[in-house]
């Protein structure tokens, strides 16, 4: 078997490209983490409902505690879910997507106020 002169360089490049698979797995795990956050928010909502139903067993003030607990509990859950809905996708977009898409950025070079004189 006769080896072409570029065989070893091509083999090395192939092995180096396999190294990029770890980035793919990391990106996949990031999206799975977002899915887990959504599922945990749903489970938290069910737990809040179950706890609120226990307040109905208290005579006279149980329904007031029921409504107050539902309002506070679900409001907190919605706030946490909103944070996850905005912050995590932005992180995935700017940190992981732009890195993999070869985005180099643009814009203007940062120059502090003192260095802008004369131009």
PDB file of N, CA and C in Angstrom:
ATOM      1  N   UNK A   1       0.843  -1.178   0.000  1.00  0.00           N
ATOM      2  CA  UNK A   1       0.000   0.000   0.000  1.00  0.00           C
ATOM      3  C   UNK A   1       0.889   1.243   0.000  1.00  0.00           C
ATOM      4  N   UNK A   2       0.624   2.107  -0.943  1.00  0.00           N
ATOM      5  CA  UNK A   2       1.407   3.335  -1.065  1.00  0.00           C
ATOM      6  C   UNK A   2       0.608   4.474  -0.431  1.00  0.00           C
ATOM      7  N   UNK A   3       1.258   5.161   0.506  1.00  0.00           N
ATOM      8  CA  UNK A   3       0.600   6.282   1.180  1.00  0.00           C
ATOM      9  C   UNK A   3       0.879   7.574   0.426  1.00  0.00           C
ATOM     10  N   UNK A   4      -0.146   8.361   0.272  1.00  0.00           N
ATOM     11  CA  UNK A   4       0.035   9.669  -0.339  1.00  0.00           C
ATOM     12  C   UNK A   4       0.778  10.574   0.632  1.00  0.00           C
ATOM     13  N   UNK A   5       1.515  11.543   0.143  1.00  0.00           N
ATOM     14  CA  UNK A   5       2.312  12.404   1.029  1.00  0.00           C
ATOM     15  C   UNK A   5       1.459  13.200   2.019  1.00  0.00           C
ATOM     16  N   UNK A   6       0.219  13.526   1.648  1.00  0.00           N
ATOM     17  CA  UNK A   6      -0.597  14.325   2.548  1.00  0.00           C
ATOM     18  C   UNK A   6      -1.466  13.463   3.470  1.00  0.00           C
ATOM     19  N   UNK A   7      -1.197  12.147   3.496  1.00  0.00           N
ATOM     20  CA  UNK A   7      -2.014  11.244   4.307  1.00  0.00           C
ATOM     21  C   UNK A   7      -1.991  11.618   5.782  1.00  0.00           C
ATOM     22  N   UNK A   8      -0.813  11.855   6.330  1.00  0.00           N
ATOM     23  CA  UNK A   8      -0.703  12.136   7.760  1.00  0.00           C
ATOM     24  C   UNK A   8      -1.282  13.508   8.113  1.00  0.00           C
ATOM     25  N   UNK A   9      -1.139  14.464   7.227  1.00  0.00           N
ATOM     26  CA  UNK A   9      -1.729  15.781   7.502  1.00  0.00           C
ATOM     27  C   UNK A   9      -3.248  15.690   7.463  1.00  0.00           C
ATOM     28  N   UNK A  10      -3.774  14.917   6.526  1.00  0.00           N
ATOM     29  CA  UNK A  10      -5.225  14.741   6.466  1.00  0.00           C
ATOM     30  C   UNK A  10      -5.733  13.958   7.672  1.00  0.00           C
ATOM     31  N   UNK A  11      -4.968  12.961   8.099  1.00  0.00           N
ATOM     32  CA  UNK A  11      -5.344  12.210   9.295  1.00  0.00           C
ATOM     33  C   UNK A  11      -5.344  13.118  10.522  1.00  0.00           C
ATOM     34  N   UNK A  12      -4.331  13.958  10.635  1.00  0.00           N
ATOM     35  CA  UNK A  12      -4.264  14.901  11.756  1.00  0.00           C
ATOM     36  C   UNK A  12      -5.413  15.890  11.737  1.00  0.00           C
ATOM     37  N   UNK A  13      -5.774  16.388  10.557  1.00  0.00           N
ATOM     38  CA  UNK A  13      -6.900  17.309  10.447  1.00  0.00           C
ATOM     39  C   UNK A  13      -8.210  16.623  10.838  1.00  0.00           C
ATOM     40  N   UNK A  14      -8.359  15.366  10.451  1.00  0.00           N
ATOM     41  CA  UNK A  14      -9.566  14.622  10.816  1.00  0.00           C
ATOM     42  C   UNK A  14      -9.686  14.425  12.314  1.00  0.00           C
ATOM     43  N   UNK A  15      -8.580  14.104  12.948  1.00  0.00           N
ATOM     44  CA  UNK A  15      -8.590  13.941  14.403  1.00  0.00           C
ATOM     45  C   UNK A  15      -8.898  15.275  15.076  1.00  0.00           C
ATOM     46  N   UNK A  16      -8.343  16.360  14.542  1.00  0.00           N
ATOM     47  CA  UNK A  16      -8.610  17.689  15.115  1.00  0.00           C
ATOM     48  C   UNK A  16     -10.084  18.060  14.971  1.00  0.00           C
ATOM     49  N   UNK A  17     -10.710  17.699  13.850  1.00  0.00           N
ATOM     50  CA  UNK A  17     -12.130  17.980  13.658  1.00  0.00           C
ATOM     51  C   UNK A  17     -12.978  17.166  14.633  1.00  0.00           C
ATOM     52  N   UNK A  18     -12.538  15.973  14.988  1.00  0.00           N
ATOM     53  CA  UNK A  18     -13.265  15.182  15.983  1.00  0.00           C
ATOM     54  C   UNK A  18     -13.272  15.879  17.337  1.00  0.00           C
ATOM     55  N   UNK A  19     -12.250  16.667  17.603  1.00  0.00           N
ATOM     56  CA  UNK A  19     -12.199  17.418  18.847  1.00  0.00           C
ATOM     57  C   UNK A  19     -13.370  18.394  18.945  1.00  0.00           C
ATOM     58  N   UNK A  20     -13.867  18.889  17.812  1.00  0.00           N
ATOM     59  CA  UNK A  20     -14.995  19.813  17.795  1.00  0.00           C
ATOM     60  C   UNK A  20     -16.304  19.187  18.226  1.00  0.00           C
ATOM     61  N   UNK A  21     -16.377  17.868  18.265  1.00  0.00           N
ATOM     62  CA  UNK A  21     -17.593  17.193  18.693  1.00  0.00           C
ATOM     63  C   UNK A  21     -17.907  17.527  20.150  1.00  0.00           C
ATOM     64  N   UNK A  22     -16.879  17.745  20.956  1.00  0.00           N
ATOM     65  CA  UNK A  22     -17.138  18.081  22.359  1.00  0.00           C
ATOM     66  C   UNK A  22     -17.900  19.402  22.461  1.00  0.00           C
ATOM     67  N   UNK A  23     -17.655  20.334  21.559  1.00  0.00           N
ATOM     68  CA  UNK A  23     -18.416  21.580  21.547  1.00  0.00           C
ATOM     69  C   UNK A  23     -19.867  21.341  21.180  1.00  0.00           C
ATOM     70  N   UNK A  24     -20.088  20.424  20.258  1.00  0.00           N
ATOM     71  CA  UNK A  24     -21.454  20.078  19.873  1.00  0.00           C
ATOM     72  C   UNK A  24     -22.202  19.470  21.046  1.00  0.00           C
ATOM     73  N   UNK A  25     -21.555  18.583  21.759  1.00  0.00           N
ATOM     74  CA  UNK A  25     -22.183  17.961  22.930  1.00  0.00           C
ATOM     75  C   UNK A  25     -22.462  19.017  23.999  1.00  0.00           C
ATOM     76  N   UNK A  26     -21.544  19.954  24.191  1.00  0.00           N
ATOM     77  CA  UNK A  26     -21.758  21.027  25.163  1.00  0.00           C
ATOM     78  C   UNK A  26     -22.944  21.902  24.797  1.00  0.00           C
ATOM     79  N   UNK A  27     -23.086  22.205  23.508  1.00  0.00           N
ATOM     80  CA  UNK A  27     -24.235  22.998  23.063  1.00  0.00           C
ATOM     81  C   UNK A  27     -25.539  22.237  23.275  1.00  0.00           C
ATOM     82  N   UNK A  28     -25.528  20.955  22.964  1.00  0.00           N
ATOM     83  CA  UNK A  28     -26.717  20.134  23.171  1.00  0.00           C
ATOM     84  C   UNK A  28     -27.104  20.102  24.641  1.00  0.00           C
ATOM     85  N   UNK A  29     -26.127  19.975  25.513  1.00  0.00           N
ATOM     86  CA  UNK A  29     -26.414  19.971  26.946  1.00  0.00           C
ATOM     87  C   UNK A  29     -26.955  21.310  27.419  1.00  0.00           C
ATOM     88  N   UNK A  30     -26.533  22.398  26.810  1.00  0.00           N
ATOM     89  CA  UNK A  30     -27.077  23.704  27.179  1.00  0.00           C
ATOM     90  C   UNK A  30     -28.556  23.793  26.849  1.00  0.00           C
ATOM     91  N   UNK A  31     -28.946  23.284  25.695  1.00  0.00           N
ATOM     92  CA  UNK A  31     -30.362  23.310  25.337  1.00  0.00           C
ATOM     93  C   UNK A  31     -31.165  22.340  26.195  1.00  0.00           C
ATOM     94  N   UNK A  32     -30.586  21.219  26.562  1.00  0.00           N
ATOM     95  CA  UNK A  32     -31.272  20.299  27.475  1.00  0.00           C
ATOM     96  C   UNK A  32     -31.469  20.951  28.836  1.00  0.00           C
ATOM     97  N   UNK A  33     -30.511  21.784  29.246  1.00  0.00           N
ATOM     98  CA  UNK A  33     -30.634  22.509  30.513  1.00  0.00           C
ATOM     99  C   UNK A  33     -31.827  23.463  30.462  1.00  0.00           C
ATOM    100  N   UNK A  34     -32.038  24.125  29.333  1.00  0.00           N
ATOM    101  CA  UNK A  34     -33.200  24.993  29.190  1.00  0.00           C
ATOM    102  C   UNK A  34     -34.499  24.202  29.273  1.00  0.00           C
ATOM    103  N   UNK A  35     -34.514  23.026  28.664  1.00  0.00           N
ATOM    104  CA  UNK A  35     -35.687  22.167  28.745  1.00  0.00           C
ATOM    105  C   UNK A  35     -35.955  21.762  30.189  1.00  0.00           C
ATOM    106  N   UNK A  36     -34.900  21.437  30.929  1.00  0.00           N
ATOM    107  CA  UNK A  36     -35.058  21.047  32.335  1.00  0.00           C
ATOM    108  C   UNK A  36     -35.577  22.211  33.172  1.00  0.00           C
ATOM    109  N   UNK A  37     -35.137  23.432  32.869  1.00  0.00           N
ATOM    110  CA  UNK A  37     -35.659  24.590  33.584  1.00  0.00           C
ATOM    111  C   UNK A  37     -37.153  24.764  33.343  1.00  0.00           C
ATOM    112  N   UNK A  38     -37.601  24.535  32.129  1.00  0.00           N
ATOM    113  CA  UNK A  38     -39.035  24.621  31.829  1.00  0.00           C
ATOM    114  C   UNK A  38     -39.837  23.557  32.555  1.00  0.00           C
ATOM    115  N   UNK A  39     -39.325  22.339  32.577  1.00  0.00           N
ATOM    116  CA  UNK A  39     -40.022  21.259  33.277  1.00  0.00           C
ATOM    117  C   UNK A  39     -40.065  21.529  34.776  1.00  0.00           C
ATOM    118  N   UNK A  40     -38.962  22.022  35.341  1.00  0.00           N
ATOM    119  CA  UNK A  40     -38.944  22.293  36.785  1.00  0.00           C
ATOM    120  C   UNK A  40     -39.907  23.421  37.138  1.00  0.00           C
ATOM    121  N   UNK A  41     -40.092  24.383  36.247  1.00  0.00           N
ATOM    122  CA  UNK A  41     -41.056  25.447  36.491  1.00  0.00           C
ATOM    123  C   UNK A  41     -42.480  24.888  36.515  1.00  0.00           C
ATOM    124  N   UNK A  42     -42.776  23.958  35.628  1.00  0.00           N
ATOM    125  CA  UNK A  42     -44.103  23.329  35.622  1.00  0.00           C
ATOM    126  C   UNK A  42     -44.336  22.519  36.894  1.00  0.00           C
ATOM    127  N   UNK A  43     -43.322  21.806  37.323  1.00  0.00           N
ATOM    128  CA  UNK A  43     -43.451  21.019  38.551  1.00  0.00           C
ATOM    129  C   UNK A  43     -43.620  21.931  39.756  1.00  0.00           C
ATOM    130  N   UNK A  44     -42.897  23.050  39.784  1.00  0.00           N
ATOM    131  CA  UNK A  44     -43.046  24.011  40.870  1.00  0.00           C
ATOM    132  C   UNK A  44     -44.473  24.562  40.911  1.00  0.00           C
ATOM    133  N   UNK A  45     -45.057  24.817  39.756  1.00  0.00           N
ATOM    134  CA  UNK A  45     -46.454  25.270  39.705  1.00  0.00           C
ATOM    135  C   UNK A  45     -47.409  24.246  40.287  1.00  0.00           C
ATOM    136  N   UNK A  46     -47.184  22.971  39.993  1.00  0.00           N
ATOM    137  CA  UNK A  46     -48.047  21.923  40.558  1.00  0.00           C
ATOM    138  C   UNK A  46     -47.883  21.825  42.073  1.00  0.00           C
ATOM    139  N   UNK A  47     -46.660  21.985  42.555  1.00  0.00           N
ATOM    140  CA  UNK A  47     -46.421  21.941  43.998  1.00  0.00           C
ATOM    141  C   UNK A  47     -47.101  23.118  44.687  1.00  0.00           C
ATOM    142  N   UNK A  48     -47.052  24.292  44.089  1.00  0.00           N
ATOM    143  CA  UNK A  48     -47.737  25.457  44.659  1.00  0.00           C
ATOM    144  C   UNK A  48     -49.240  25.198  44.729  1.00  0.00           C
ATOM    145  N   UNK A  49     -49.802  24.595  43.698  1.00  0.00           N
ATOM    146  CA  UNK A  49     -51.230  24.265  43.719  1.00  0.00           C
ATOM    147  C   UNK A  49     -51.557  23.281  44.837  1.00  0.00           C
ATOM    148  N   UNK A  50     -50.726  22.272  45.005  1.00  0.00           N
ATOM    149  CA  UNK A  50     -50.977  21.274  46.055  1.00  0.00           C
ATOM    150  C   UNK A  50     -50.906  21.889  47.452  1.00  0.00           C
ATOM    151  N   UNK A  51     -49.915  22.742  47.666  1.00  0.00           N
ATOM    152  CA  UNK A  51     -49.797  23.381  48.982  1.00  0.00           C
ATOM    153  C   UNK A  51     -50.973  24.313  49.223  1.00  0.00           C
ATOM    154  N   UNK A  52     -51.381  25.063  48.190  1.00  0.00           N
ATOM    155  CA  UNK A  52     -52.505  25.992  48.334  1.00  0.00           C
ATOM    156  C   UNK A  52     -53.794  25.249  48.669  1.00  0.00           C
ATOM    157  N   UNK A  53     -53.970  24.073  48.097  1.00  0.00           N
ATOM    158  CA  UNK A  53     -55.177  23.291  48.403  1.00  0.00           C
ATOM    159  C   UNK A  53     -55.232  22.872  49.871  1.00  0.00           C
ATOM    160  N   UNK A  54     -54.091  22.710  50.490  1.00  0.00           N
ATOM    161  CA  UNK A  54     -54.053  22.363  51.924  1.00  0.00           C
ATOM    162  C   UNK A  54     -54.608  23.509  52.779  1.00  0.00           C
ATOM    163  N   UNK A  55     -54.430  24.737  52.304  1.00  0.00           N
ATOM    164  CA  UNK A  55     -54.952  25.880  53.061  1.00  0.00           C
ATOM    165  C   UNK A  55     -56.474  25.887  53.113  1.00  0.00           C
ATOM    166  N   UNK A  56     -57.134  25.262  52.158  1.00  0.00           N
ATOM    167  CA  UNK A  56     -58.600  25.231  52.160  1.00  0.00           C
ATOM    168  C   UNK A  56     -59.155  24.417  53.321  1.00  0.00           C
ATOM    169  N   UNK A  57     -58.334  23.580  53.925  1.00  0.00           N
ATOM    170  CA  UNK A  57     -58.779  22.782  55.070  1.00  0.00           C
ATOM    171  C   UNK A  57     -58.882  23.610  56.350  1.00  0.00           C
ATOM    172  N   UNK A  58     -58.302  24.815  56.361  1.00  0.00           N
ATOM    173  CA  UNK A  58     -58.367  25.699  57.527  1.00  0.00           C
ATOM    174  C   UNK A  58     -59.714  26.421  57.496  1.00  0.00           C
ATOM    175  N   UNK A  59     -60.401  26.390  58.610  1.00  0.00           N
ATOM    176  CA  UNK A  59     -61.721  27.025  58.670  1.00  0.00           C
ATOM    177  C   UNK A  59     -61.596  28.545  58.692  1.00  0.00           C
ATOM    178  N   UNK A  60     -62.592  29.208  58.128  1.00  0.00           N
ATOM    179  CA  UNK A  60     -62.776  30.655  58.109  1.00  0.00           C
ATOM    180  C   UNK A  60     -61.759  31.402  57.232  1.00  0.00           C
ATOM    181  N   UNK A  61     -60.470  31.278  57.478  1.00  0.00           N
ATOM    182  CA  UNK A  61     -59.478  32.064  56.726  1.00  0.00           C
ATOM    183  C   UNK A  61     -58.745  31.235  55.674  1.00  0.00           C
ATOM    184  N   UNK A  62     -59.128  29.986  55.527  1.00  0.00           N
ATOM    185  CA  UNK A  62     -58.420  29.111  54.595  1.00  0.00           C
ATOM    186  C   UNK A  62     -58.484  29.587  53.159  1.00  0.00           C
ATOM    187  N   UNK A  63     -59.624  30.082  52.720  1.00  0.00           N
ATOM    188  CA  UNK A  63     -59.763  30.536  51.331  1.00  0.00           C
ATOM    189  C   UNK A  63     -58.945  31.797  51.081  1.00  0.00           C
ATOM    190  N   UNK A  64     -58.806  32.660  52.102  1.00  0.00           N
ATOM    191  CA  UNK A  64     -57.977  33.854  51.952  1.00  0.00           C
ATOM    192  C   UNK A  64     -56.503  33.448  51.809  1.00  0.00           C
ATOM    193  N   UNK A  65     -56.055  32.537  52.690  1.00  0.00           N
ATOM    194  CA  UNK A  65     -54.680  32.046  52.592  1.00  0.00           C
ATOM    195  C   UNK A  65     -54.445  31.322  51.268  1.00  0.00           C
ATOM    196  N   UNK A  66     -55.477  30.602  50.810  1.00  0.00           N
ATOM    197  CA  UNK A  66     -55.407  29.896  49.538  1.00  0.00           C
ATOM    198  C   UNK A  66     -55.118  30.863  48.392  1.00  0.00           C
ATOM    199  N   UNK A  67     -55.894  31.932  48.303  1.00  0.00           N
ATOM    200  CA  UNK A  67     -55.747  32.908  47.219  1.00  0.00           C
ATOM    201  C   UNK A  67     -54.412  33.642  47.330  1.00  0.00           C
ATOM    202  N   UNK A  68     -54.040  34.058  48.546  1.00  0.00           N
ATOM    203  CA  UNK A  68     -52.789  34.789  48.740  1.00  0.00           C
ATOM    204  C   UNK A  68     -51.594  33.909  48.369  1.00  0.00           C
ATOM    205  N   UNK A  69     -51.621  32.651  48.808  1.00  0.00           N
ATOM    206  CA  UNK A  69     -50.501  31.753  48.503  1.00  0.00           C
ATOM    207  C   UNK A  69     -50.402  31.488  47.004  1.00  0.00           C
ATOM    208  N   UNK A  70     -51.551  31.322  46.342  1.00  0.00           N
ATOM    209  CA  UNK A  70     -51.523  31.104  44.892  1.00  0.00           C
ATOM    210  C   UNK A  70     -50.966  32.317  44.167  1.00  0.00           C
ATOM    211  N   UNK A  71     -51.376  33.520  44.562  1.00  0.00           N
ATOM    212  CA  UNK A  71     -50.894  34.733  43.906  1.00  0.00           C
ATOM    213  C   UNK A  71     -49.391  34.915  44.095  1.00  0.00           C
ATOM    214  N   UNK A  72     -48.926  34.753  45.319  1.00  0.00           N
ATOM    215  CA  UNK A  72     -47.503  34.932  45.588  1.00  0.00           C
ATOM    216  C   UNK A  72     -46.677  33.816  44.940  1.00  0.00           C
ATOM    217  N   UNK A  73     -47.111  32.582  45.110  1.00  0.00           N
ATOM    218  CA  UNK A  73     -46.349  31.442  44.580  1.00  0.00           C
ATOM    219  C   UNK A  73     -46.242  31.443  43.067  1.00  0.00           C
ATOM    220  N   UNK A  74     -47.374  31.656  42.399  1.00  0.00           N
ATOM    221  CA  UNK A  74     -47.332  31.634  40.932  1.00  0.00           C
ATOM    222  C   UNK A  74     -46.669  32.885  40.371  1.00  0.00           C
ATOM    223  N   UNK A  75     -46.775  34.010  41.072  1.00  0.00           N
ATOM    224  CA  UNK A  75     -46.063  35.212  40.626  1.00  0.00           C
ATOM    225  C   UNK A  75     -44.556  34.989  40.681  1.00  0.00           C
ATOM    226  N   UNK A  76     -44.083  34.395  41.766  1.00  0.00           N
ATOM    227  CA  UNK A  76     -42.651  34.099  41.876  1.00  0.00           C
ATOM    228  C   UNK A  76     -42.216  33.115  40.795  1.00  0.00           C
ATOM    229  N   UNK A  77     -43.044  32.117  40.529  1.00  0.00           N
ATOM    230  CA  UNK A  77     -42.716  31.129  39.497  1.00  0.00           C
ATOM    231  C   UNK A  77     -42.670  31.773  38.116  1.00  0.00           C
ATOM    232  N   UNK A  78     -43.594  32.674  37.835  1.00  0.00           N
ATOM    233  CA  UNK A  78     -43.599  33.356  36.543  1.00  0.00           C
ATOM    234  C   UNK A  78     -42.369  34.247  36.404  1.00  0.00           C
ATOM    235  N   UNK A  79     -41.971  34.923  37.491  1.00  0.00           N
ATOM    236  CA  UNK A  79     -40.775  35.759  37.436  1.00  0.00           C
ATOM    237  C   UNK A  79     -39.522  34.925  37.159  1.00  0.00           C
ATOM    238  N   UNK A  80     -39.419  33.790  37.816  1.00  0.00           N
ATOM    239  CA  UNK A  80     -38.264  32.912  37.589  1.00  0.00           C
ATOM    240  C   UNK A  80     -38.277  32.374  36.160  1.00  0.00           C
ATOM    241  N   UNK A  81     -39.453  31.977  35.674  1.00  0.00           N
ATOM    242  CA  UNK A  81     -39.565  31.466  34.308  1.00  0.00           C
ATOM    243  C   UNK A  81     -39.252  32.557  33.284  1.00  0.00           C
ATOM    244  N   UNK A  82     -39.675  33.800  33.572  1.00  0.00           N
ATOM    245  CA  UNK A  82     -39.380  34.907  32.658  1.00  0.00           C
ATOM    246  C   UNK A  82     -37.881  35.162  32.588  1.00  0.00           C
ATOM    247  N   UNK A  83     -37.230  35.090  33.717  1.00  0.00           N
ATOM    248  CA  UNK A  83     -35.778  35.256  33.731  1.00  0.00           C
ATOM    249  C   UNK A  83     -35.118  34.184  32.862  1.00  0.00           C
ATOM    250  N   UNK A  84     -35.569  32.954  33.024  1.00  0.00           N
ATOM    251  CA  UNK A  84     -35.028  31.872  32.210  1.00  0.00           C
ATOM    252  C   UNK A  84     -35.352  32.028  30.735  1.00  0.00           C
ATOM    253  N   UNK A  85     -36.538  32.584  30.441  1.00  0.00           N
ATOM    254  CA  UNK A  85     -36.966  32.731  29.053  1.00  0.00           C
ATOM    255  C   UNK A  85     -36.181  33.812  28.318  1.00  0.00           C
ATOM    256  N   UNK A  86     -35.620  34.772  29.031  1.00  0.00           N
ATOM    257  CA  UNK A  86     -34.891  35.853  28.376  1.00  0.00           C
ATOM    258  C   UNK A  86     -33.380  35.708  28.497  1.00  0.00           C
ATOM    259  N   UNK A  87     -32.900  35.388  29.677  1.00  0.00           N
ATOM    260  CA  UNK A  87     -31.459  35.378  29.915  1.00  0.00           C
ATOM    261  C   UNK A  87     -30.779  34.180  29.252  1.00  0.00           C
ATOM    262  N   UNK A  88     -31.316  33.004  29.417  1.00  0.00           N
ATOM    263  CA  UNK A  88     -30.647  31.803  28.909  1.00  0.00           C
ATOM    264  C   UNK A  88     -30.578  31.756  27.379  1.00  0.00           C
ATOM    265  N   UNK A  89     -31.657  32.082  26.661  1.00  0.00           N
ATOM    266  CA  UNK A  89     -31.502  32.107  25.191  1.00  0.00           C
ATOM    267  C   UNK A  89     -30.520  33.171  24.708  1.00  0.00           C
ATOM    268  N   UNK A  90     -30.467  34.320  25.388  1.00  0.00           N
ATOM    269  CA  UNK A  90     -29.484  35.328  25.001  1.00  0.00           C
ATOM    270  C   UNK A  90     -28.069  34.806  25.194  1.00  0.00           C
ATOM    271  N   UNK A  91     -27.867  34.109  26.303  1.00  0.00           N
ATOM    272  CA  UNK A  91     -26.552  33.522  26.565  1.00  0.00           C
ATOM    273  C   UNK A  91     -26.203  32.501  25.485  1.00  0.00           C
ATOM    274  N   UNK A  92     -27.165  31.649  25.145  1.00  0.00           N
ATOM    275  CA  UNK A  92     -26.907  30.650  24.109  1.00  0.00           C
ATOM    276  C   UNK A  92     -26.603  31.316  22.769  1.00  0.00           C
ATOM    277  N   UNK A  93     -27.319  32.388  22.462  1.00  0.00           N
ATOM    278  CA  UNK A  93     -27.105  33.059  21.188  1.00  0.00           C
ATOM    279  C   UNK A  93     -25.728  33.716  21.129  1.00  0.00           C
ATOM    280  N   UNK A  94     -25.408  34.502  22.143  1.00  0.00           N
ATOM    281  CA  UNK A  94     -24.176  35.283  22.077  1.00  0.00           C
ATOM    282  C   UNK A  94     -22.927  34.466  22.383  1.00  0.00           C
ATOM    283  N   UNK A  95     -23.031  33.485  23.259  1.00  0.00           N
ATOM    284  CA  UNK A  95     -21.837  32.746  23.653  1.00  0.00           C
ATOM    285  C   UNK A  95     -21.609  31.540  22.751  1.00  0.00           C
ATOM    286  N   UNK A  96     -22.652  30.782  22.489  1.00  0.00           N
ATOM    287  CA  UNK A  96     -22.440  29.512  21.794  1.00  0.00           C
ATOM    288  C   UNK A  96     -22.741  29.577  20.303  1.00  0.00           C
ATOM    289  N   UNK A  97     -23.817  30.247  19.900  1.00  0.00           N
ATOM    290  CA  UNK A  97     -24.135  30.279  18.473  1.00  0.00           C
ATOM    291  C   UNK A  97     -23.111  31.103  17.701  1.00  0.00           C
ATOM    292  N   UNK A  98     -22.814  32.304  18.169  1.00  0.00           N
ATOM    293  CA  UNK A  98     -21.873  33.157  17.450  1.00  0.00           C
ATOM    294  C   UNK A  98     -20.485  32.516  17.381  1.00  0.00           C
ATOM    295  N   UNK A  99     -20.121  31.779  18.430  1.00  0.00           N
ATOM    296  CA  UNK A  99     -18.818  31.098  18.421  1.00  0.00           C
ATOM    297  C   UNK A  99     -18.785  30.042  17.314  1.00  0.00           C
ATOM    298  N   UNK A 100     -19.853  29.293  17.172  1.00  0.00           N
ATOM    299  CA  UNK A 100     -19.884  28.207  16.182  1.00  0.00           C
ATOM    300  C   UNK A 100     -20.149  28.713  14.771  1.00  0.00           C
ATOM    301  N   UNK A 101     -20.780  29.872  14.634  1.00  0.00           N
ATOM    302  CA  UNK A 101     -21.102  30.393  13.308  1.00  0.00           C
ATOM    303  C   UNK A 101     -19.947  31.181  12.705  1.00  0.00           C
ATOM    304  N   UNK A 102     -18.875  31.366  13.454  1.00  0.00           N
ATOM    305  CA  UNK A 102     -17.735  32.107  12.942  1.00  0.00           C
ATOM    306  C   UNK A 102     -17.955  33.604  12.927  1.00  0.00           C
ATOM    307  N   UNK A 103     -18.850  34.094  13.769  1.00  0.00           N
ATOM    308  CA  UNK A 103     -19.140  35.529  13.837  1.00  0.00           C
ATOM    309  C   UNK A 103     -17.944  36.259  14.420  1.00  0.00           C
ATOM    310  N   UNK A 104     -17.476  37.275  13.724  1.00  0.00           N
ATOM    311  CA  UNK A 104     -16.310  38.009  14.208  1.00  0.00           C
ATOM    312  C   UNK A 104     -16.689  39.348  14.804  1.00  0.00           C
ATOM    313  N   UNK A 105     -17.914  39.766  14.657  1.00  0.00           N
ATOM    314  CA  UNK A 105     -18.338  41.029  15.240  1.00  0.00           C
ATOM    315  C   UNK A 105     -18.081  42.192  14.313  1.00  0.00           C
ATOM    316  N   UNK A 106     -18.277  43.330  14.829  1.00  0.00           N
ATOM    317  CA  UNK A 106     -18.091  44.540  14.042  1.00  0.00           C
ATOM    318  C   UNK A 106     -18.158  45.723  14.984  1.00  0.00           C
ATOM    319  N   UNK A 107     -18.539  46.825  14.469  1.00  0.00           N
ATOM    320  CA  UNK A 107     -18.678  47.997  15.315  1.00  0.00           C
ATOM    321  C   UNK A 107     -17.423  48.837  15.313  1.00  0.00           C
ATOM    322  N   UNK A 108     -17.386  49.750  16.260  1.00  0.00           N
ATOM    323  CA  UNK A 108     -16.279  50.697  16.335  1.00  0.00           C
ATOM    324  C   UNK A 108     -15.336  50.317  17.462  1.00  0.00           C
ATOM    325  N   UNK A 109     -14.093  50.609  17.275  1.00  0.00           N
ATOM    326  CA  UNK A 109     -13.085  50.370  18.286  1.00  0.00           C
ATOM    327  C   UNK A 109     -13.351  51.260  19.493  1.00  0.00           C
ATOM    328  N   UNK A 110     -13.267  50.708  20.670  1.00  0.00           N
ATOM    329  CA  UNK A 110     -13.487  51.488  21.894  1.00  0.00           C
ATOM    330  C   UNK A 110     -12.290  52.366  22.173  1.00  0.00           C
ATOM    331  N   UNK A 111     -12.555  53.649  22.346  1.00  0.00           N
ATOM    332  CA  UNK A 111     -11.531  54.605  22.730  1.00  0.00           C
ATOM    333  C   UNK A 111     -12.083  55.440  23.867  1.00  0.00           C
ATOM    334  N   UNK A 112     -11.417  55.443  24.990  1.00  0.00           N
ATOM    335  CA  UNK A 112     -11.883  56.272  26.107  1.00  0.00           C
ATOM    336  C   UNK A 112     -11.923  57.753  25.707  1.00  0.00           C
ATOM    337  N   UNK A 113     -12.683  58.537  26.458  1.00  0.00           N
ATOM    338  CA  UNK A 113     -12.898  59.935  26.115  1.00  0.00           C
ATOM    339  C   UNK A 113     -11.598  60.709  25.906  1.00  0.00           C
ATOM    340  N   UNK A 114     -10.606  60.472  26.711  1.00  0.00           N
ATOM    341  CA  UNK A 114      -9.365  61.227  26.612  1.00  0.00           C
ATOM    342  C   UNK A 114      -8.579  60.957  25.347  1.00  0.00           C
ATOM    343  N   UNK A 115      -8.813  59.834  24.677  1.00  0.00           N
ATOM    344  CA  UNK A 115      -8.037  59.462  23.510  1.00  0.00           C
ATOM    345  C   UNK A 115      -8.700  59.865  22.199  1.00  0.00           C
ATOM    346  N   UNK A 116      -9.897  60.439  22.247  1.00  0.00           N
ATOM    347  CA  UNK A 116     -10.602  60.799  21.020  1.00  0.00           C
ATOM    348  C   UNK A 116     -10.207  62.173  20.491  1.00  0.00           C
ATOM    349  N   UNK A 117      -9.439  62.953  21.233  1.00  0.00           N
ATOM    350  CA  UNK A 117      -9.076  64.277  20.768  1.00  0.00           C
ATOM    351  C   UNK A 117      -8.060  64.189  19.636  1.00  0.00           C
ATOM    352  N   UNK A 118      -8.192  65.062  18.681  1.00  0.00           N
ATOM    353  CA  UNK A 118      -7.250  65.105  17.585  1.00  0.00           C
ATOM    354  C   UNK A 118      -7.722  64.354  16.362  1.00  0.00           C
ATOM    355  N   UNK A 119      -8.848  63.683  16.423  1.00  0.00           N
ATOM    356  CA  UNK A 119      -9.331  62.938  15.251  1.00  0.00           C
ATOM    357  C   UNK A 119     -10.706  63.386  14.869  1.00  0.00           C
TER     358      UNK A 119
END
